[in-house]
């Protein structure tokens, strides 16, 4: 688990992308591996721009879970939050 106080680093950031997910995702991925997906990079102009990379991540997780665990694979829930730290 990671904990970062955004107030402490706000001056260094222009945006924040937060991935909140169940263990169905985190049991198969390390944080650095999830960052290979363009989640919120560049900042999305529409909801559709968020669904494509998040959907790809969830689908890859589902496939990998089925390969490793068969019918015992865990469910996957993922929420992606993208927001600007500095108002425009």
PDB file of N, CA and C in Angstrom:
ATOM      1  N   UNK A   1       0.847  -1.166   0.000  1.00  0.00           N
ATOM      2  CA  UNK A   1       0.000   0.000   0.000  1.00  0.00           C
ATOM      3  C   UNK A   1       0.891   1.227   0.000  1.00  0.00           C
ATOM      4  N   UNK A   2       0.448   2.267  -0.702  1.00  0.00           N
ATOM      5  CA  UNK A   2       1.185   3.513  -0.781  1.00  0.00           C
ATOM      6  C   UNK A   2       0.341   4.635  -0.220  1.00  0.00           C
ATOM      7  N   UNK A   3       1.010   5.577   0.426  1.00  0.00           N
ATOM      8  CA  UNK A   3       0.321   6.736   0.965  1.00  0.00           C
ATOM      9  C   UNK A   3       1.164   7.966   0.662  1.00  0.00           C
ATOM     10  N   UNK A   4       0.568   8.921  -0.042  1.00  0.00           N
ATOM     11  CA  UNK A   4       1.254  10.162  -0.381  1.00  0.00           C
ATOM     12  C   UNK A   4       0.334  11.308   0.003  1.00  0.00           C
ATOM     13  N   UNK A   5       0.845  12.239   0.770  1.00  0.00           N
ATOM     14  CA  UNK A   5       0.081  13.432   1.104  1.00  0.00           C
ATOM     15  C   UNK A   5       0.217  14.397  -0.062  1.00  0.00           C
ATOM     16  N   UNK A   6      -0.849  14.573  -0.825  1.00  0.00           N
ATOM     17  CA  UNK A   6      -0.790  15.405  -2.021  1.00  0.00           C
ATOM     18  C   UNK A   6      -0.500  16.866  -1.703  1.00  0.00           C
ATOM     19  N   UNK A   7      -0.841  17.321  -0.505  1.00  0.00           N
ATOM     20  CA  UNK A   7      -0.516  18.696  -0.136  1.00  0.00           C
ATOM     21  C   UNK A   7       0.989  18.897  -0.053  1.00  0.00           C
ATOM     22  N   UNK A   8       1.711  17.846   0.325  1.00  0.00           N
ATOM     23  CA  UNK A   8       3.170  17.942   0.437  1.00  0.00           C
ATOM     24  C   UNK A   8       3.857  18.016  -0.924  1.00  0.00           C
ATOM     25  N   UNK A   9       3.242  17.469  -1.957  1.00  0.00           N
ATOM     26  CA  UNK A   9       3.875  17.418  -3.281  1.00  0.00           C
ATOM     27  C   UNK A   9       3.104  18.200  -4.340  1.00  0.00           C
ATOM     28  N   UNK A  10       2.082  18.941  -3.945  1.00  0.00           N
ATOM     29  CA  UNK A  10       1.202  19.621  -4.899  1.00  0.00           C
ATOM     30  C   UNK A  10       1.956  20.555  -5.831  1.00  0.00           C
ATOM     31  N   UNK A  11       2.979  21.221  -5.349  1.00  0.00           N
ATOM     32  CA  UNK A  11       3.722  22.159  -6.201  1.00  0.00           C
ATOM     33  C   UNK A  11       4.491  21.439  -7.305  1.00  0.00           C
ATOM     34  N   UNK A  12       4.745  20.159  -7.142  1.00  0.00           N
ATOM     35  CA  UNK A  12       5.485  19.380  -8.130  1.00  0.00           C
ATOM     36  C   UNK A  12       4.574  18.724  -9.163  1.00  0.00           C
ATOM     37  N   UNK A  13       3.274  18.808  -8.959  1.00  0.00           N
ATOM     38  CA  UNK A  13       2.322  18.086  -9.802  1.00  0.00           C
ATOM     39  C   UNK A  13       1.475  19.024 -10.646  1.00  0.00           C
ATOM     40  N   UNK A  14       1.100  18.553 -11.821  1.00  0.00           N
ATOM     41  CA  UNK A  14       0.125  19.284 -12.625  1.00  0.00           C
ATOM     42  C   UNK A  14      -1.192  18.511 -12.679  1.00  0.00           C
ATOM     43  N   UNK A  15      -1.110  17.195 -12.475  1.00  0.00           N
ATOM     44  CA  UNK A  15      -2.311  16.364 -12.435  1.00  0.00           C
ATOM     45  C   UNK A  15      -2.041  15.122 -11.599  1.00  0.00           C
ATOM     46  N   UNK A  16      -3.122  14.489 -11.176  1.00  0.00           N
ATOM     47  CA  UNK A  16      -3.034  13.266 -10.397  1.00  0.00           C
ATOM     48  C   UNK A  16      -3.946  12.233 -11.044  1.00  0.00           C
ATOM     49  N   UNK A  17      -3.447  11.017 -11.173  1.00  0.00           N
ATOM     50  CA  UNK A  17      -4.256   9.897 -11.636  1.00  0.00           C
ATOM     51  C   UNK A  17      -4.245   8.861 -10.527  1.00  0.00           C
ATOM     52  N   UNK A  18      -5.413   8.547 -10.040  1.00  0.00           N
ATOM     53  CA  UNK A  18      -5.565   7.625  -8.919  1.00  0.00           C
ATOM     54  C   UNK A  18      -6.248   6.358  -9.418  1.00  0.00           C
ATOM     55  N   UNK A  19      -5.629   5.214  -9.158  1.00  0.00           N
ATOM     56  CA  UNK A  19      -6.217   3.926  -9.511  1.00  0.00           C
ATOM     57  C   UNK A  19      -6.629   3.245  -8.212  1.00  0.00           C
ATOM     58  N   UNK A  20      -7.926   3.055  -8.056  1.00  0.00           N
ATOM     59  CA  UNK A  20      -8.475   2.351  -6.901  1.00  0.00           C
ATOM     60  C   UNK A  20      -9.006   1.033  -7.454  1.00  0.00           C
ATOM     61  N   UNK A  21      -8.474  -0.078  -6.957  1.00  0.00           N
ATOM     62  CA  UNK A  21      -8.861  -1.368  -7.515  1.00  0.00           C
ATOM     63  C   UNK A  21      -8.882  -2.440  -6.439  1.00  0.00           C
ATOM     64  N   UNK A  22      -9.631  -3.478  -6.732  1.00  0.00           N
ATOM     65  CA  UNK A  22      -9.734  -4.619  -5.817  1.00  0.00           C
ATOM     66  C   UNK A  22      -8.486  -5.492  -5.921  1.00  0.00           C
ATOM     67  N   UNK A  23      -8.415  -6.442  -5.015  1.00  0.00           N
ATOM     68  CA  UNK A  23      -7.272  -7.354  -5.026  1.00  0.00           C
ATOM     69  C   UNK A  23      -7.237  -8.216  -6.276  1.00  0.00           C
ATOM     70  N   UNK A  24      -8.355  -8.317  -6.980  1.00  0.00           N
ATOM     71  CA  UNK A  24      -8.369  -9.051  -8.239  1.00  0.00           C
ATOM     72  C   UNK A  24      -7.393  -8.454  -9.250  1.00  0.00           C
ATOM     73  N   UNK A  25      -7.153  -7.158  -9.142  1.00  0.00           N
ATOM     74  CA  UNK A  25      -6.163  -6.499  -9.995  1.00  0.00           C
ATOM     75  C   UNK A  25      -4.791  -6.489  -9.322  1.00  0.00           C
ATOM     76  N   UNK A  26      -4.735  -6.057  -8.062  1.00  0.00           N
ATOM     77  CA  UNK A  26      -3.435  -5.871  -7.393  1.00  0.00           C
ATOM     78  C   UNK A  26      -2.728  -7.175  -7.067  1.00  0.00           C
ATOM     79  N   UNK A  27      -3.436  -8.285  -6.994  1.00  0.00           N
ATOM     80  CA  UNK A  27      -2.760  -9.569  -6.763  1.00  0.00           C
ATOM     81  C   UNK A  27      -1.948 -10.008  -7.987  1.00  0.00           C
ATOM     82  N   UNK A  28      -2.280  -9.456  -9.157  1.00  0.00           N
ATOM     83  CA  UNK A  28      -1.601  -9.863 -10.391  1.00  0.00           C
ATOM     84  C   UNK A  28      -0.629  -8.810 -10.920  1.00  0.00           C
ATOM     85  N   UNK A  29      -0.711  -7.586 -10.428  1.00  0.00           N
ATOM     86  CA  UNK A  29       0.114  -6.499 -10.945  1.00  0.00           C
ATOM     87  C   UNK A  29       0.840  -5.788  -9.812  1.00  0.00           C
ATOM     88  N   UNK A  30       2.028  -5.306 -10.117  1.00  0.00           N
ATOM     89  CA  UNK A  30       2.709  -4.379  -9.222  1.00  0.00           C
ATOM     90  C   UNK A  30       2.348  -2.973  -9.685  1.00  0.00           C
ATOM     91  N   UNK A  31       2.472  -2.012  -8.793  1.00  0.00           N
ATOM     92  CA  UNK A  31       2.098  -0.643  -9.139  1.00  0.00           C
ATOM     93  C   UNK A  31       2.826  -0.155 -10.391  1.00  0.00           C
ATOM     94  N   UNK A  32       4.115  -0.444 -10.474  1.00  0.00           N
ATOM     95  CA  UNK A  32       4.894   0.024 -11.628  1.00  0.00           C
ATOM     96  C   UNK A  32       4.397  -0.601 -12.931  1.00  0.00           C
ATOM     97  N   UNK A  33       3.860  -1.810 -12.864  1.00  0.00           N
ATOM     98  CA  UNK A  33       3.339  -2.463 -14.063  1.00  0.00           C
ATOM     99  C   UNK A  33       2.052  -1.795 -14.543  1.00  0.00           C
ATOM    100  N   UNK A  34       1.225  -1.359 -13.618  1.00  0.00           N
ATOM    101  CA  UNK A  34      -0.019  -0.679 -13.980  1.00  0.00           C
ATOM    102  C   UNK A  34       0.302   0.647 -14.674  1.00  0.00           C
ATOM    103  N   UNK A  35       1.415   1.254 -14.313  1.00  0.00           N
ATOM    104  CA  UNK A  35       1.787   2.535 -14.907  1.00  0.00           C
ATOM    105  C   UNK A  35       2.163   2.434 -16.379  1.00  0.00           C
ATOM    106  N   UNK A  36       2.369   1.219 -16.894  1.00  0.00           N
ATOM    107  CA  UNK A  36       2.662   1.066 -18.323  1.00  0.00           C
ATOM    108  C   UNK A  36       1.443   1.404 -19.184  1.00  0.00           C
ATOM    109  N   UNK A  37       0.259   1.372 -18.589  1.00  0.00           N
ATOM    110  CA  UNK A  37      -0.958   1.727 -19.314  1.00  0.00           C
ATOM    111  C   UNK A  37      -1.125   3.241 -19.260  1.00  0.00           C
ATOM    112  N   UNK A  38      -1.522   3.863 -20.355  1.00  0.00           N
ATOM    113  CA  UNK A  38      -1.638   5.335 -20.380  1.00  0.00           C
ATOM    114  C   UNK A  38      -2.885   5.824 -19.648  1.00  0.00           C
ATOM    115  N   UNK A  39      -2.965   5.545 -18.365  1.00  0.00           N
ATOM    116  CA  UNK A  39      -4.123   5.921 -17.564  1.00  0.00           C
ATOM    117  C   UNK A  39      -4.020   7.399 -17.187  1.00  0.00           C
ATOM    118  N   UNK A  40      -4.773   8.230 -17.858  1.00  0.00           N
ATOM    119  CA  UNK A  40      -4.773   9.654 -17.550  1.00  0.00           C
ATOM    120  C   UNK A  40      -3.629  10.422 -18.179  1.00  0.00           C
ATOM    121  N   UNK A  41      -2.867   9.813 -19.070  1.00  0.00           N
ATOM    122  CA  UNK A  41      -1.734  10.483 -19.713  1.00  0.00           C
ATOM    123  C   UNK A  41      -1.913  10.500 -21.209  1.00  0.00           C
ATOM    124  N   UNK A  42      -2.036  11.597 -21.861  1.00  0.00           N
ATOM    125  CA  UNK A  42      -2.209  12.937 -21.300  1.00  0.00           C
ATOM    126  C   UNK A  42      -3.571  13.056 -20.627  1.00  0.00           C
ATOM    127  N   UNK A  43      -3.801  14.172 -19.932  1.00  0.00           N
ATOM    128  CA  UNK A  43      -5.093  14.314 -19.249  1.00  0.00           C
ATOM    129  C   UNK A  43      -6.239  14.073 -20.230  1.00  0.00           C
ATOM    130  N   UNK A  44      -7.168  13.204 -19.873  1.00  0.00           N
ATOM    131  CA  UNK A  44      -8.253  12.863 -20.802  1.00  0.00           C
ATOM    132  C   UNK A  44      -9.184  14.039 -21.054  1.00  0.00           C
ATOM    133  N   UNK A  45      -9.585  14.180 -22.303  1.00  0.00           N
ATOM    134  CA  UNK A  45     -10.535  15.222 -22.681  1.00  0.00           C
ATOM    135  C   UNK A  45     -11.966  14.716 -22.553  1.00  0.00           C
ATOM    136  N   UNK A  46     -12.126  13.398 -22.499  1.00  0.00           N
ATOM    137  CA  UNK A  46     -13.472  12.824 -22.394  1.00  0.00           C
ATOM    138  C   UNK A  46     -13.407  11.516 -21.617  1.00  0.00           C
ATOM    139  N   UNK A  47     -14.562  11.079 -21.176  1.00  0.00           N
ATOM    140  CA  UNK A  47     -14.660   9.813 -20.456  1.00  0.00           C
ATOM    141  C   UNK A  47     -14.202   8.654 -21.330  1.00  0.00           C
ATOM    142  N   UNK A  48     -14.486   8.717 -22.621  1.00  0.00           N
ATOM    143  CA  UNK A  48     -14.106   7.641 -23.540  1.00  0.00           C
ATOM    144  C   UNK A  48     -12.594   7.428 -23.547  1.00  0.00           C
ATOM    145  N   UNK A  49     -11.820   8.501 -23.392  1.00  0.00           N
ATOM    146  CA  UNK A  49     -10.363   8.377 -23.384  1.00  0.00           C
ATOM    147  C   UNK A  49      -9.856   7.642 -22.148  1.00  0.00           C
ATOM    148  N   UNK A  50     -10.652   7.593 -21.109  1.00  0.00           N
ATOM    149  CA  UNK A  50     -10.288   6.869 -19.885  1.00  0.00           C
ATOM    150  C   UNK A  50     -10.661   5.399 -20.013  1.00  0.00           C
ATOM    151  N   UNK A  51     -11.801   5.114 -20.638  1.00  0.00           N
ATOM    152  CA  UNK A  51     -12.294   3.734 -20.721  1.00  0.00           C
ATOM    153  C   UNK A  51     -11.382   2.821 -21.524  1.00  0.00           C
ATOM    154  N   UNK A  52     -10.782   3.314 -22.581  1.00  0.00           N
ATOM    155  CA  UNK A  52      -9.967   2.444 -23.423  1.00  0.00           C
ATOM    156  C   UNK A  52      -8.772   1.863 -22.667  1.00  0.00           C
ATOM    157  N   UNK A  53      -7.888   2.674 -22.066  1.00  0.00           N
ATOM    158  CA  UNK A  53      -6.757   2.066 -21.356  1.00  0.00           C
ATOM    159  C   UNK A  53      -7.172   1.314 -20.100  1.00  0.00           C
ATOM    160  N   UNK A  54      -8.184   1.789 -19.404  1.00  0.00           N
ATOM    161  CA  UNK A  54      -8.648   1.076 -18.211  1.00  0.00           C
ATOM    162  C   UNK A  54      -9.275  -0.250 -18.607  1.00  0.00           C
ATOM    163  N   UNK A  55     -10.060  -0.262 -19.676  1.00  0.00           N
ATOM    164  CA  UNK A  55     -10.654  -1.505 -20.169  1.00  0.00           C
ATOM    165  C   UNK A  55      -9.594  -2.505 -20.589  1.00  0.00           C
ATOM    166  N   UNK A  56      -8.529  -2.021 -21.229  1.00  0.00           N
ATOM    167  CA  UNK A  56      -7.425  -2.895 -21.633  1.00  0.00           C
ATOM    168  C   UNK A  56      -6.757  -3.504 -20.411  1.00  0.00           C
ATOM    169  N   UNK A  57      -6.517  -2.697 -19.394  1.00  0.00           N
ATOM    170  CA  UNK A  57      -5.900  -3.192 -18.157  1.00  0.00           C
ATOM    171  C   UNK A  57      -6.774  -4.260 -17.497  1.00  0.00           C
ATOM    172  N   UNK A  58      -8.061  -3.993 -17.389  1.00  0.00           N
ATOM    173  CA  UNK A  58      -8.973  -4.953 -16.744  1.00  0.00           C
ATOM    174  C   UNK A  58      -9.052  -6.244 -17.565  1.00  0.00           C
ATOM    175  N   UNK A  59      -9.114  -6.133 -18.884  1.00  0.00           N
ATOM    176  CA  UNK A  59      -9.185  -7.326 -19.730  1.00  0.00           C
ATOM    177  C   UNK A  59      -7.909  -8.157 -19.631  1.00  0.00           C
ATOM    178  N   UNK A  60      -6.755  -7.511 -19.630  1.00  0.00           N
ATOM    179  CA  UNK A  60      -5.494  -8.236 -19.470  1.00  0.00           C
ATOM    180  C   UNK A  60      -5.437  -8.922 -18.110  1.00  0.00           C
ATOM    181  N   UNK A  61      -5.944  -8.260 -17.090  1.00  0.00           N
ATOM    182  CA  UNK A  61      -5.979  -8.842 -15.746  1.00  0.00           C
ATOM    183  C   UNK A  61      -6.898 -10.063 -15.719  1.00  0.00           C
ATOM    184  N   UNK A  62      -8.055  -9.941 -16.364  1.00  0.00           N
ATOM    185  CA  UNK A  62      -9.003 -11.065 -16.417  1.00  0.00           C
ATOM    186  C   UNK A  62      -8.372 -12.271 -17.097  1.00  0.00           C
ATOM    187  N   UNK A  63      -7.733 -12.038 -18.252  1.00  0.00           N
ATOM    188  CA  UNK A  63      -7.089 -13.133 -18.981  1.00  0.00           C
ATOM    189  C   UNK A  63      -5.989 -13.780 -18.151  1.00  0.00           C
ATOM    190  N   UNK A  64      -5.165 -12.965 -17.543  1.00  0.00           N
ATOM    191  CA  UNK A  64      -4.062 -13.501 -16.735  1.00  0.00           C
ATOM    192  C   UNK A  64      -4.602 -14.267 -15.526  1.00  0.00           C
ATOM    193  N   UNK A  65      -5.659 -13.750 -14.900  1.00  0.00           N
ATOM    194  CA  UNK A  65      -6.261 -14.435 -13.768  1.00  0.00           C
ATOM    195  C   UNK A  65      -6.836 -15.784 -14.154  1.00  0.00           C
ATOM    196  N   UNK A  66      -7.493 -15.848 -15.311  1.00  0.00           N
ATOM    197  CA  UNK A  66      -8.049 -17.127 -15.785  1.00  0.00           C
ATOM    198  C   UNK A  66      -6.944 -18.126 -16.101  1.00  0.00           C
ATOM    199  N   UNK A  67      -5.848 -17.658 -16.709  1.00  0.00           N
ATOM    200  CA  UNK A  67      -4.729 -18.554 -17.023  1.00  0.00           C
ATOM    201  C   UNK A  67      -4.111 -19.128 -15.750  1.00  0.00           C
ATOM    202  N   UNK A  68      -3.969 -18.283 -14.731  1.00  0.00           N
ATOM    203  CA  UNK A  68      -3.319 -18.723 -13.501  1.00  0.00           C
ATOM    204  C   UNK A  68      -4.244 -19.517 -12.573  1.00  0.00           C
ATOM    205  N   UNK A  69      -5.516 -19.109 -12.495  1.00  0.00           N
ATOM    206  CA  UNK A  69      -6.392 -19.657 -11.460  1.00  0.00           C
ATOM    207  C   UNK A  69      -7.651 -20.336 -11.999  1.00  0.00           C
ATOM    208  N   UNK A  70      -7.849 -20.309 -13.314  1.00  0.00           N
ATOM    209  CA  UNK A  70      -9.050 -20.935 -13.880  1.00  0.00           C
ATOM    210  C   UNK A  70     -10.314 -20.315 -13.321  1.00  0.00           C
ATOM    211  N   UNK A  71     -11.264 -21.174 -12.949  1.00  0.00           N
ATOM    212  CA  UNK A  71     -12.539 -20.686 -12.419  1.00  0.00           C
ATOM    213  C   UNK A  71     -12.404 -20.069 -11.031  1.00  0.00           C
ATOM    214  N   UNK A  72     -11.260 -20.239 -10.398  1.00  0.00           N
ATOM    215  CA  UNK A  72     -11.032 -19.670  -9.069  1.00  0.00           C
ATOM    216  C   UNK A  72     -10.489 -18.242  -9.130  1.00  0.00           C
ATOM    217  N   UNK A  73     -10.374 -17.685 -10.343  1.00  0.00           N
ATOM    218  CA  UNK A  73      -9.860 -16.321 -10.501  1.00  0.00           C
ATOM    219  C   UNK A  73     -10.753 -15.337  -9.751  1.00  0.00           C
ATOM    220  N   UNK A  74     -10.114 -14.362  -9.155  1.00  0.00           N
ATOM    221  CA  UNK A  74     -10.818 -13.347  -8.370  1.00  0.00           C
ATOM    222  C   UNK A  74     -11.526 -12.361  -9.300  1.00  0.00           C
ATOM    223  N   UNK A  75     -12.554 -11.708  -8.778  1.00  0.00           N
ATOM    224  CA  UNK A  75     -13.221 -10.672  -9.563  1.00  0.00           C
ATOM    225  C   UNK A  75     -12.339  -9.420  -9.599  1.00  0.00           C
ATOM    226  N   UNK A  76     -12.665  -8.502 -10.516  1.00  0.00           N
ATOM    227  CA  UNK A  76     -11.851  -7.305 -10.702  1.00  0.00           C
ATOM    228  C   UNK A  76     -12.772  -6.090 -10.664  1.00  0.00           C
ATOM    229  N   UNK A  77     -12.438  -5.161  -9.818  1.00  0.00           N
ATOM    230  CA  UNK A  77     -13.117  -3.879  -9.783  1.00  0.00           C
ATOM    231  C   UNK A  77     -12.047  -2.811  -9.858  1.00  0.00           C
ATOM    232  N   UNK A  78     -12.246  -1.821 -10.726  1.00  0.00           N
ATOM    233  CA  UNK A  78     -11.255  -0.755 -10.861  1.00  0.00           C
ATOM    234  C   UNK A  78     -11.948   0.576 -11.090  1.00  0.00           C
ATOM    235  N   UNK A  79     -11.438   1.593 -10.422  1.00  0.00           N
ATOM    236  CA  UNK A  79     -11.928   2.957 -10.574  1.00  0.00           C
ATOM    237  C   UNK A  79     -10.724   3.817 -10.897  1.00  0.00           C
ATOM    238  N   UNK A  80     -10.849   4.664 -11.887  1.00  0.00           N
ATOM    239  CA  UNK A  80      -9.789   5.566 -12.276  1.00  0.00           C
ATOM    240  C   UNK A  80     -10.267   6.991 -12.080  1.00  0.00           C
ATOM    241  N   UNK A  81      -9.484   7.769 -11.340  1.00  0.00           N
ATOM    242  CA  UNK A  81      -9.823   9.173 -11.078  1.00  0.00           C
ATOM    243  C   UNK A  81      -8.670  10.016 -11.611  1.00  0.00           C
ATOM    244  N   UNK A  82      -8.981  10.934 -12.523  1.00  0.00           N
ATOM    245  CA  UNK A  82      -7.987  11.851 -13.089  1.00  0.00           C
ATOM    246  C   UNK A  82      -8.434  13.267 -12.782  1.00  0.00           C
ATOM    247  N   UNK A  83      -7.530  14.077 -12.241  1.00  0.00           N
ATOM    248  CA  UNK A  83      -7.897  15.461 -11.997  1.00  0.00           C
ATOM    249  C   UNK A  83      -6.676  16.357 -12.022  1.00  0.00           C
ATOM    250  N   UNK A  84      -6.927  17.611 -12.372  1.00  0.00           N
ATOM    251  CA  UNK A  84      -5.872  18.613 -12.380  1.00  0.00           C
ATOM    252  C   UNK A  84      -5.639  19.084 -10.964  1.00  0.00           C
ATOM    253  N   UNK A  85      -4.375  19.201 -10.590  1.00  0.00           N
ATOM    254  CA  UNK A  85      -4.039  19.698  -9.254  1.00  0.00           C
ATOM    255  C   UNK A  85      -4.111  21.215  -9.240  1.00  0.00           C
ATOM    256  N   UNK A  86      -3.656  21.826 -10.306  1.00  0.00           N
ATOM    257  CA  UNK A  86      -3.660  23.289 -10.385  1.00  0.00           C
ATOM    258  C   UNK A  86      -4.808  23.740 -11.273  1.00  0.00           C
ATOM    259  N   UNK A  87      -5.687  24.583 -10.745  1.00  0.00           N
ATOM    260  CA  UNK A  87      -6.801  25.069 -11.571  1.00  0.00           C
ATOM    261  C   UNK A  87      -6.279  25.893 -12.747  1.00  0.00           C
ATOM    262  N   UNK A  88      -7.020  25.856 -13.830  1.00  0.00           N
ATOM    263  CA  UNK A  88      -6.590  26.581 -15.030  1.00  0.00           C
ATOM    264  C   UNK A  88      -7.076  28.005 -15.020  1.00  0.00           C
TER     265      UNK A  88
END
